[in-house]
Amino acid sequence: MVVAKKHIPLAVSRNKIKRAIRESFRHHRKGTNKNSYEVNTHDCLIEQEKLKMFFDTVVIVKAKALMLSNIELKKELEKQWLKLSNKQNQTS
C-alpha cells in the first residue's frame, strides 16, 4: 500500500492512514465473511468465480484526510467500502 508523500508529508501520518485503511478493510471483510478475520482463499476464489470478475482496489488518499479525526476517517472509509459493495452488487 502506498500513500503519496506529496499529499501527506509526514511518515507518521502516512502510516496512521495506512493502518486505518487496512483495519477498515479487515472490518469490512469481517462483516461480509461471517464474522471471521481469516480470509479463506478457496471461498474467495468461489466468490470471484460467481462474480466472473477479478479486480484490485485503489484507495486514493487526499491531503484533506490529514485533517480528519480517527473516527471521521473510519466513517469515511466505511462509507466508501459500502459504496464499492453496492457497485459490485449492481454488476452481478
C-alpha atoms as a PDB file:
ATOM      1  CA  MET A   1       0.000   0.000   0.000  1.00  0.00           C
ATOM      2  CA  VAL A   2       1.303   3.425  -0.905  1.00  0.00           C
ATOM      3  CA  VAL A   3       0.221   6.827   0.376  1.00  0.00           C
ATOM      4  CA  ALA A   4       1.748   9.678  -1.607  1.00  0.00           C
ATOM      5  CA  LYS A   5       4.283  11.791   0.230  1.00  0.00           C
ATOM      6  CA  LYS A   6       3.128  14.726  -1.879  1.00  0.00           C
ATOM      7  CA  HIS A   7      -0.268  14.750  -0.122  1.00  0.00           C
ATOM      8  CA  ILE A   8       0.743  13.510   3.347  1.00  0.00           C
ATOM      9  CA  PRO A   9       4.310  14.723   4.025  1.00  0.00           C
ATOM     10  CA  LEU A  10       4.976  13.125   7.439  1.00  0.00           C
ATOM     11  CA  ALA A  11       5.675   9.388   7.564  1.00  0.00           C
ATOM     12  CA  VAL A  12       3.877   9.086  10.901  1.00  0.00           C
ATOM     13  CA  SER A  13       0.695  10.464   9.351  1.00  0.00           C
ATOM     14  CA  ARG A  14       1.012   8.271   6.247  1.00  0.00           C
ATOM     15  CA  ASN A  15       1.431   5.180   8.425  1.00  0.00           C
ATOM     16  CA  LYS A  16      -1.583   6.146  10.564  1.00  0.00           C
ATOM     17  CA  ILE A  17      -3.726   6.446   7.445  1.00  0.00           C
ATOM     18  CA  LYS A  18      -2.434   3.129   6.069  1.00  0.00           C
ATOM     19  CA  ARG A  19      -3.265   1.381   9.346  1.00  0.00           C
ATOM     20  CA  ALA A  20      -6.757   2.889   9.292  1.00  0.00           C
ATOM     21  CA  ILE A  21      -7.316   1.715   5.711  1.00  0.00           C
ATOM     22  CA  ARG A  22      -6.108  -1.813   6.485  1.00  0.00           C
ATOM     23  CA  GLU A  23      -8.209  -2.071   9.631  1.00  0.00           C
ATOM     24  CA  SER A  24     -11.264  -0.710   7.856  1.00  0.00           C
ATOM     25  CA  PHE A  25     -10.815  -3.218   5.037  1.00  0.00           C
ATOM     26  CA  ARG A  26     -10.425  -6.082   7.525  1.00  0.00           C
ATOM     27  CA  HIS A  27     -13.519  -4.925   9.372  1.00  0.00           C
ATOM     28  CA  HIS A  28     -15.461  -4.721   6.106  1.00  0.00           C
ATOM     29  CA  ARG A  29     -14.260  -8.212   5.117  1.00  0.00           C
ATOM     30  CA  LYS A  30     -15.207  -9.474   8.568  1.00  0.00           C
ATOM     31  CA  GLY A  31     -18.743  -8.213   8.088  1.00  0.00           C
ATOM     32  CA  THR A  32     -19.050  -9.873   4.694  1.00  0.00           C
ATOM     33  CA  ASN A  33     -17.222 -13.040   5.708  1.00  0.00           C
ATOM     34  CA  LYS A  34     -19.421 -14.315   8.544  1.00  0.00           C
ATOM     35  CA  ASN A  35     -17.546 -12.650  11.425  1.00  0.00           C
ATOM     36  CA  SER A  36     -14.193 -14.192  10.608  1.00  0.00           C
ATOM     37  CA  TYR A  37     -10.931 -12.281  10.347  1.00  0.00           C
ATOM     38  CA  GLU A  38      -9.421 -15.096   8.322  1.00  0.00           C
ATOM     39  CA  VAL A  39      -9.818 -14.883   4.584  1.00  0.00           C
ATOM     40  CA  ASN A  40     -10.318 -18.356   3.182  1.00  0.00           C
ATOM     41  CA  THR A  41      -8.630 -18.414  -0.225  1.00  0.00           C
ATOM     42  CA  HIS A  42     -10.948 -21.119  -1.519  1.00  0.00           C
ATOM     43  CA  ASP A  43     -14.042 -19.115  -0.529  1.00  0.00           C
ATOM     44  CA  CYS A  44     -12.596 -16.004  -2.187  1.00  0.00           C
ATOM     45  CA  LEU A  45     -11.983 -17.882  -5.427  1.00  0.00           C
ATOM     46  CA  ILE A  46     -15.523 -19.247  -5.364  1.00  0.00           C
ATOM     47  CA  GLU A  47     -16.916 -15.725  -4.829  1.00  0.00           C
ATOM     48  CA  GLN A  48     -14.775 -14.349  -7.646  1.00  0.00           C
ATOM     49  CA  GLU A  49     -15.886 -17.162  -9.927  1.00  0.00           C
ATOM     50  CA  LYS A  50     -19.509 -16.340  -9.109  1.00  0.00           C
ATOM     51  CA  LEU A  51     -18.918 -12.712  -9.996  1.00  0.00           C
ATOM     52  CA  LYS A  52     -16.763 -13.578 -13.016  1.00  0.00           C
ATOM     53  CA  MET A  53     -14.794 -10.535 -12.002  1.00  0.00           C
ATOM     54  CA  PHE A  54     -11.296 -10.056 -10.649  1.00  0.00           C
ATOM     55  CA  PHE A  55     -10.321  -6.585  -9.540  1.00  0.00           C
ATOM     56  CA  ASP A  56      -7.931  -4.638  -7.370  1.00  0.00           C
ATOM     57  CA  THR A  57      -8.963  -1.824  -5.091  1.00  0.00           C
ATOM     58  CA  VAL A  58      -7.158   1.500  -5.208  1.00  0.00           C
ATOM     59  CA  VAL A  59      -7.625   3.952  -2.356  1.00  0.00           C
ATOM     60  CA  ILE A  60      -6.516   7.462  -3.262  1.00  0.00           C
ATOM     61  CA  VAL A  61      -5.681   9.485  -0.176  1.00  0.00           C
ATOM     62  CA  LYS A  62      -6.198  13.232  -0.460  1.00  0.00           C
ATOM     63  CA  ALA A  63      -4.449  15.833   1.682  1.00  0.00           C
ATOM     64  CA  LYS A  64      -7.757  16.534   3.466  1.00  0.00           C
ATOM     65  CA  ALA A  65      -7.515  13.080   5.081  1.00  0.00           C
ATOM     66  CA  LEU A  66      -4.853  14.546   7.346  1.00  0.00           C
ATOM     67  CA  MET A  67      -7.443  16.880   8.887  1.00  0.00           C
ATOM     68  CA  LEU A  68      -9.875  14.086   9.802  1.00  0.00           C
ATOM     69  CA  SER A  69     -10.032  12.593  13.262  1.00  0.00           C
ATOM     70  CA  ASN A  70      -9.698   8.814  13.581  1.00  0.00           C
ATOM     71  CA  ILE A  71     -13.457   8.443  13.933  1.00  0.00           C
ATOM     72  CA  GLU A  72     -14.170  10.615  10.893  1.00  0.00           C
ATOM     73  CA  LEU A  73     -11.580   8.688   8.856  1.00  0.00           C
ATOM     74  CA  LYS A  74     -13.165   5.356   9.832  1.00  0.00           C
ATOM     75  CA  LYS A  75     -16.638   6.632   8.940  1.00  0.00           C
ATOM     76  CA  GLU A  76     -15.444   7.875   5.554  1.00  0.00           C
ATOM     77  CA  LEU A  77     -13.691   4.593   4.781  1.00  0.00           C
ATOM     78  CA  GLU A  78     -16.773   2.589   5.757  1.00  0.00           C
ATOM     79  CA  LYS A  79     -18.892   4.800   3.519  1.00  0.00           C
ATOM     80  CA  GLN A  80     -16.517   4.135   0.615  1.00  0.00           C
ATOM     81  CA  TRP A  81     -16.458   0.336   1.213  1.00  0.00           C
ATOM     82  CA  LEU A  82     -20.271   0.308   1.216  1.00  0.00           C
ATOM     83  CA  LYS A  83     -20.321   2.328  -1.981  1.00  0.00           C
ATOM     84  CA  LEU A  84     -17.935  -0.166  -3.583  1.00  0.00           C
ATOM     85  CA  SER A  85     -20.023  -3.112  -2.346  1.00  0.00           C
ATOM     86  CA  ASN A  86     -23.162  -1.575  -3.832  1.00  0.00           C
ATOM     87  CA  LYS A  87     -21.461  -1.102  -7.195  1.00  0.00           C
ATOM     88  CA  GLN A  88     -20.196  -4.675  -7.078  1.00  0.00           C
ATOM     89  CA  ASN A  89     -23.696  -5.990  -6.289  1.00  0.00           C
ATOM     90  CA  GLN A  90     -25.235  -3.989  -9.153  1.00  0.00           C
ATOM     91  CA  THR A  91     -22.856  -5.551 -11.677  1.00  0.00           C
ATOM     92  CA  SER A  92     -23.585  -9.129 -10.607  1.00  0.00           C
END
